[in-house]
Amino acid sequence: MKDKLEQFIMLTVGTWITGSAVFFFMMPSHLVVASISGLAIVLQKVVPVGLNVGSWTLILNLVCLVLAYFFVSKAFAAKTVYTSILLSLVIEFYEKVMPNYHGIMHDSFLDLICYLFVVSFGLAILFIRNSSSGGLDVITMMLNKYFRIPLGTGMAVAGACVSLTSFFVYDAKTGVLSLLGTYLNGIILDHIIFGMRNRKKVCIVSAHIEEIKDFVLNEMHSGASMYEQIGAYSNQAHPELEVIVERDEYNKLIGFVTKIDPDAFVTIYNVGEVIYKPKVIESSPRRIEAGQQQ
């Protein structure tokens, strides 16, 4: 229950940040930067049906949700339903509360810079939780799933196609800024996402390797690999334990290793991405035997 509540809160926060970035920085300068909301801004101007940006965003997102359901995953589509509707409501809320809003910066370049940093942070929160704000994020996830295109690159490709429409609706300056913003948005998004997804590969050689292995398996509930290492100086074989951990697990592991064996030899590497099928880590044979003896 706690995990679901936390998930709901983070999806809401990420979507609200994204919607705020669209209203406060993208809409005043008519920027069309890597988003369905940008396309909605264009459609509002060229299609005279009286729909605001929030309504156009909702319609376009519904189309993308169908694509997400069939081509990404049902879980991703289910989460995106909520965020897509919420994003449209956030934009419509701002449009009704501040109908005469014309921007804070009054400069399209400054609006672009502010939009990039704010929206990339919001989108990163959503992507890390296997969700999105809908729209082009769905196309980005499809490119990532089927062609292994990095999320930032996929966002840049899909966004560039949308940004080109600004040349036909607005002036050349707006079009150039939209394309530049789309490119930079992909770079920033990749940096944020890979920073959040980074893991550590920890390789440990220790006289207490069995205790460390037991801690990894039964306390951290993580997997590990064992290798035999031969020292060049002593020509003796030593077991080496290799563990890949997330950032919060890293401090826990290093703290235990330094406590149980201050003389342990530890090497640490950065890992950008891990692809694996999770499995249940059972208790070690020693722990099972202890339980049976009791």
Protein backbone atom coordinates (compact mmCIF):
# COMPACT_ATOMS: atom_id res chain seq x y z
CA MET A 1 0.00 0.00 0.00
CA LYS A 2 2.84 2.35 0.91
CA ASP A 3 4.63 1.62 -2.38
CA LYS A 4 1.46 2.28 -4.40
CA LEU A 5 0.88 5.57 -2.57
CA GLU A 6 4.47 6.63 -3.19
CA GLN A 7 4.12 5.67 -6.87
CA PHE A 8 0.91 7.69 -7.17
CA ILE A 9 2.49 10.74 -5.52
CA MET A 10 5.59 10.65 -7.72
CA LEU A 11 3.53 10.24 -10.91
CA THR A 12 1.42 13.21 -9.85
CA VAL A 13 4.48 15.34 -9.03
CA GLY A 14 6.23 14.45 -12.29
CA THR A 15 3.13 15.23 -14.36
CA TRP A 16 2.44 18.51 -12.56
CA ILE A 17 6.05 19.62 -13.13
CA THR A 18 5.74 18.76 -16.83
CA GLY A 19 2.42 20.60 -17.21
CA SER A 20 3.80 23.65 -15.40
CA ALA A 21 6.79 23.76 -17.73
CA VAL A 22 4.47 23.69 -20.76
CA PHE A 23 2.22 26.48 -19.51
CA PHE A 24 4.77 28.84 -17.96
CA PHE A 25 7.58 28.57 -20.50
CA MET A 26 6.54 26.85 -23.74
CA MET A 27 3.11 28.34 -24.44
CA PRO A 28 4.03 32.04 -24.02
CA SER A 29 6.76 31.78 -26.68
CA HIS A 30 4.83 29.29 -28.89
CA LEU A 31 7.73 26.85 -28.64
CA VAL A 32 7.14 23.40 -30.14
CA VAL A 33 9.70 21.39 -28.22
CA ALA A 34 9.60 17.57 -28.27
CA SER A 35 6.08 17.13 -26.95
CA ILE A 36 2.47 16.52 -27.86
CA SER A 37 1.69 19.74 -26.01
CA GLY A 38 3.82 21.56 -28.59
CA LEU A 39 1.80 20.00 -31.39
CA ALA A 40 -1.35 21.01 -29.50
CA ILE A 41 -0.15 24.62 -29.55
CA VAL A 42 0.18 24.42 -33.33
CA LEU A 43 -3.22 22.76 -33.80
CA GLN A 44 -4.91 25.38 -31.63
CA LYS A 45 -3.71 28.03 -34.06
CA VAL A 46 -4.36 26.29 -37.39
CA VAL A 47 -7.59 24.35 -36.62
CA PRO A 48 -10.44 26.81 -35.85
CA VAL A 49 -12.63 24.61 -33.65
CA GLY A 50 -12.36 26.59 -30.40
CA LEU A 51 -10.36 23.98 -28.46
CA ASN A 52 -7.67 25.15 -26.04
CA VAL A 53 -4.22 23.61 -25.64
CA GLY A 54 -5.34 21.36 -22.79
CA SER A 55 -8.17 19.86 -24.85
CA TRP A 56 -5.95 19.25 -27.88
CA THR A 57 -3.37 17.64 -25.61
CA LEU A 58 -5.98 15.24 -24.24
CA ILE A 59 -7.20 14.23 -27.73
CA LEU A 60 -3.68 13.58 -29.01
CA ASN A 61 -2.75 11.68 -25.86
CA LEU A 62 -5.74 9.35 -26.24
CA VAL A 63 -4.47 8.34 -29.67
CA CYS A 64 -1.01 7.68 -28.24
CA LEU A 65 -2.49 5.68 -25.35
CA VAL A 66 -3.95 3.20 -27.82
CA LEU A 67 -0.48 2.81 -29.33
CA ALA A 68 1.04 2.35 -25.87
CA TYR A 69 -1.45 -0.38 -24.99
CA PHE A 70 -0.68 -2.47 -28.06
CA PHE A 71 3.00 -1.71 -28.70
CA VAL A 72 4.66 -0.87 -25.36
CA SER A 73 2.94 -2.65 -22.45
CA LYS A 74 -0.39 -2.73 -20.66
CA ALA A 75 1.26 -1.61 -17.41
CA PHE A 76 2.90 1.36 -19.12
CA ALA A 77 -0.40 2.29 -20.81
CA ALA A 78 -2.30 2.00 -17.51
CA LYS A 79 0.07 4.40 -15.77
CA THR A 80 0.10 6.72 -18.77
CA VAL A 81 -3.72 6.98 -18.75
CA TYR A 82 -3.56 8.76 -15.41
CA THR A 83 -0.64 11.02 -16.29
CA SER A 84 -2.04 11.89 -19.74
CA ILE A 85 -5.37 13.00 -18.29
CA LEU A 86 -3.69 14.81 -15.41
CA LEU A 87 -1.34 16.67 -17.78
CA SER A 88 -4.31 17.97 -19.77
CA LEU A 89 -6.11 18.98 -16.57
CA VAL A 90 -3.01 20.78 -15.26
CA ILE A 91 -2.72 22.83 -18.46
CA GLU A 92 -6.47 23.58 -18.52
CA PHE A 93 -6.33 24.56 -14.84
CA TYR A 94 -3.60 27.11 -15.53
CA GLU A 95 -5.41 28.37 -18.63
CA LYS A 96 -8.58 29.07 -16.61
CA VAL A 97 -6.83 30.47 -13.53
CA MET A 98 -4.45 32.67 -15.56
CA PRO A 99 -6.17 33.32 -18.92
CA ASN A 100 -4.11 36.45 -19.61
CA TYR A 101 -0.73 34.96 -18.79
CA HIS A 102 1.96 36.04 -21.28
CA GLY A 103 5.11 34.69 -19.69
CA ILE A 104 7.61 35.46 -16.97
CA MET A 105 10.78 35.99 -18.98
CA HIS A 106 9.28 37.78 -22.01
CA ASP A 107 12.13 36.30 -24.00
CA SER A 108 11.76 33.16 -26.10
CA PHE A 109 15.36 32.01 -25.57
CA LEU A 110 15.12 32.30 -21.77
CA ASP A 111 11.76 30.53 -21.90
CA LEU A 112 13.42 27.73 -23.83
CA ILE A 113 16.22 27.31 -21.27
CA CYS A 114 13.81 27.29 -18.32
CA TYR A 115 11.46 24.87 -20.09
CA LEU A 116 14.23 22.40 -20.88
CA PHE A 117 15.45 22.02 -17.33
CA VAL A 118 12.02 21.95 -15.70
CA VAL A 119 10.33 19.56 -18.15
CA SER A 120 13.31 17.19 -18.32
CA PHE A 121 13.20 16.79 -14.56
CA GLY A 122 9.48 16.04 -14.63
CA LEU A 123 9.80 13.55 -17.49
CA ALA A 124 12.71 11.79 -15.81
CA ILE A 125 10.57 11.17 -12.72
CA LEU A 126 7.92 9.56 -14.93
CA PHE A 127 10.29 7.47 -17.08
CA ILE A 128 12.09 6.04 -14.04
CA ARG A 129 8.71 4.71 -12.84
CA ASN A 130 7.91 3.15 -16.23
CA SER A 131 5.38 5.84 -17.08
CA SER A 132 5.23 9.05 -19.10
CA SER A 133 3.13 12.14 -19.65
CA GLY A 134 1.76 10.51 -22.81
CA GLY A 135 2.14 11.80 -26.33
CA LEU A 136 5.65 11.67 -27.75
CA ASP A 137 6.85 9.86 -24.64
CA VAL A 138 4.91 6.84 -25.93
CA ILE A 139 6.67 7.06 -29.29
CA THR A 140 9.98 7.39 -27.45
CA MET A 141 9.31 4.27 -25.37
CA MET A 142 8.37 2.36 -28.55
CA LEU A 143 11.66 3.35 -30.20
CA ASN A 144 13.52 2.31 -27.06
CA LYS A 145 11.73 -1.04 -26.79
CA TYR A 146 11.94 -2.19 -30.41
CA PHE A 147 15.12 -0.50 -31.66
CA ARG A 148 17.09 0.05 -28.39
CA ILE A 149 17.31 3.75 -29.17
CA PRO A 150 18.21 5.70 -26.01
CA LEU A 151 15.28 7.57 -24.50
CA GLY A 152 16.84 10.98 -25.06
CA THR A 153 17.69 10.21 -28.70
CA GLY A 154 14.21 8.83 -29.34
CA MET A 155 12.66 11.93 -27.83
CA ALA A 156 14.85 14.09 -30.07
CA VAL A 157 13.85 12.21 -33.26
CA ALA A 158 10.12 12.23 -32.50
CA GLY A 159 10.26 15.80 -31.24
CA ALA A 160 12.11 17.07 -34.30
CA CYS A 161 9.26 15.92 -36.53
CA VAL A 162 6.81 17.92 -34.41
CA SER A 163 9.11 20.94 -34.11
CA LEU A 164 9.31 21.30 -37.90
CA THR A 165 5.62 22.26 -37.95
CA SER A 166 6.48 25.53 -36.16
CA PHE A 167 8.25 26.78 -39.30
CA PHE A 168 4.95 26.72 -41.19
CA VAL A 169 2.85 28.28 -38.41
CA TYR A 170 5.19 30.76 -36.71
CA ASP A 171 8.36 32.59 -37.72
CA ALA A 172 11.81 31.18 -38.44
CA LYS A 173 13.15 32.19 -35.02
CA THR A 174 10.49 30.14 -33.25
CA GLY A 175 11.17 27.19 -35.54
CA VAL A 176 14.92 27.29 -34.96
CA LEU A 177 14.48 27.60 -31.19
CA SER A 178 12.02 24.70 -31.22
CA LEU A 179 14.49 22.45 -33.07
CA LEU A 180 17.37 23.53 -30.84
CA GLY A 181 15.25 22.91 -27.75
CA THR A 182 14.28 19.45 -29.00
CA TYR A 183 17.93 18.51 -29.47
CA LEU A 184 18.99 19.85 -26.07
CA ASN A 185 15.99 18.25 -24.40
CA GLY A 186 17.18 14.83 -25.57
CA ILE A 187 20.67 15.42 -24.17
CA ILE A 188 19.40 16.65 -20.80
CA LEU A 189 16.86 13.83 -20.52
CA ASP A 190 19.50 11.18 -21.22
CA HIS A 191 21.80 12.74 -18.61
CA ILE A 192 19.10 12.80 -15.93
CA ILE A 193 17.77 9.31 -16.66
CA PHE A 194 21.15 7.62 -16.86
CA GLY A 195 22.19 9.44 -13.69
CA MET A 196 19.18 7.97 -11.89
CA ARG A 197 19.64 4.50 -13.37
CA ASN A 198 23.36 4.26 -12.76
CA ARG A 199 24.45 1.26 -10.73
CA LYS A 200 27.75 0.24 -9.22
CA LYS A 201 29.65 -2.95 -9.93
CA VAL A 202 31.58 -3.84 -6.79
CA CYS A 203 34.33 -6.48 -6.94
CA ILE A 204 35.58 -7.71 -3.56
CA VAL A 205 38.56 -9.83 -2.56
CA SER A 206 38.53 -10.58 1.16
CA ALA A 207 39.49 -13.16 3.75
CA HIS A 208 35.84 -12.93 4.91
CA ILE A 209 34.30 -13.47 1.48
CA GLU A 210 31.76 -16.03 2.73
CA GLU A 211 30.36 -13.62 5.31
CA ILE A 212 30.13 -10.89 2.68
CA LYS A 213 28.42 -13.24 0.23
CA ASP A 214 25.93 -14.28 2.91
CA PHE A 215 25.19 -10.61 3.62
CA VAL A 216 24.57 -9.88 -0.07
CA LEU A 217 22.26 -12.86 -0.56
CA ASN A 218 20.30 -12.87 2.69
CA GLU A 219 20.39 -9.29 3.96
CA MET A 220 20.44 -7.30 0.74
CA HIS A 221 18.48 -9.97 -1.18
CA SER A 222 20.68 -9.40 -4.18
CA GLY A 223 22.49 -11.67 -6.63
CA ALA A 224 26.25 -12.03 -7.00
CA SER A 225 28.91 -13.83 -9.03
CA MET A 226 32.04 -15.62 -7.81
CA TYR A 227 35.36 -15.74 -9.68
CA GLU A 228 38.77 -17.17 -8.93
CA GLN A 229 41.53 -14.60 -9.04
CA ILE A 230 45.27 -15.38 -9.01
CA GLY A 231 47.58 -12.81 -7.49
CA ALA A 232 50.59 -12.02 -9.67
CA TYR A 233 52.94 -11.48 -6.71
CA SER A 234 51.94 -14.41 -4.48
CA ASN A 235 50.72 -16.67 -7.30
CA GLN A 236 47.91 -17.74 -4.97
CA ALA A 237 44.23 -18.11 -5.89
CA HIS A 238 41.67 -15.90 -4.16
CA PRO A 239 37.86 -15.92 -4.54
CA GLU A 240 36.43 -12.66 -5.83
CA LEU A 241 32.81 -11.61 -5.30
CA GLU A 242 31.15 -9.40 -7.93
CA VAL A 243 27.95 -7.54 -7.04
CA ILE A 244 25.92 -4.98 -9.02
CA VAL A 245 23.98 -2.66 -6.71
CA GLU A 246 21.84 0.45 -6.92
CA ARG A 247 22.93 3.69 -5.34
CA ASP A 248 21.11 3.21 -2.05
CA GLU A 249 22.44 -0.38 -1.75
CA TYR A 250 26.00 0.68 -2.50
CA ASN A 251 26.56 2.50 0.81
CA LYS A 252 25.03 -0.42 2.72
CA LEU A 253 27.37 -2.93 1.05
CA ILE A 254 30.54 -0.84 1.40
CA GLY A 255 29.70 -0.12 5.04
CA PHE A 256 29.43 -3.83 5.81
CA VAL A 257 32.63 -4.72 3.91
CA THR A 258 34.75 -2.08 5.64
CA LYS A 259 33.32 -3.13 9.00
CA ILE A 260 33.95 -6.86 8.68
CA ASP A 261 37.25 -6.57 6.80
CA PRO A 262 39.08 -3.22 6.70
CA ASP A 263 41.83 -4.88 4.65
CA ALA A 264 39.49 -6.04 1.86
CA PHE A 265 40.53 -5.21 -1.72
CA VAL A 266 37.57 -3.53 -3.43
CA THR A 267 37.24 -2.18 -6.97
CA ILE A 268 34.19 -0.16 -8.04
CA TYR A 269 32.86 0.56 -11.54
CA ASN A 270 29.98 2.62 -12.89
CA VAL A 271 27.30 0.65 -14.80
CA GLY A 272 24.97 2.60 -17.09
CA GLU A 273 22.25 -0.02 -17.59
CA VAL A 274 21.47 -3.58 -16.52
CA ILE A 275 19.19 -5.91 -18.50
CA TYR A 276 18.14 -9.01 -16.57
CA LYS A 277 15.23 -11.13 -15.43
CA PRO A 278 14.69 -10.74 -11.65
CA LYS A 279 14.70 -13.94 -9.62
CA VAL A 280 13.89 -14.80 -6.02
CA ILE A 281 16.99 -15.15 -3.85
CA GLU A 282 16.46 -18.01 -1.43
CA SER A 283 18.16 -18.37 1.93
CA SER A 284 21.61 -19.94 1.97
CA PRO A 285 21.97 -23.66 2.84
CA ARG A 286 23.65 -22.75 6.11
CA ARG A 287 20.68 -20.66 7.20
CA ILE A 288 18.24 -23.44 6.22
CA GLU A 289 20.26 -26.01 8.18
CA ALA A 290 20.32 -23.72 11.22
CA GLY A 291 16.56 -23.40 11.01
CA GLN A 292 16.12 -27.17 10.77
CA GLN A 293 18.37 -27.76 13.78
CA GLN A 294 16.25 -25.42 15.86
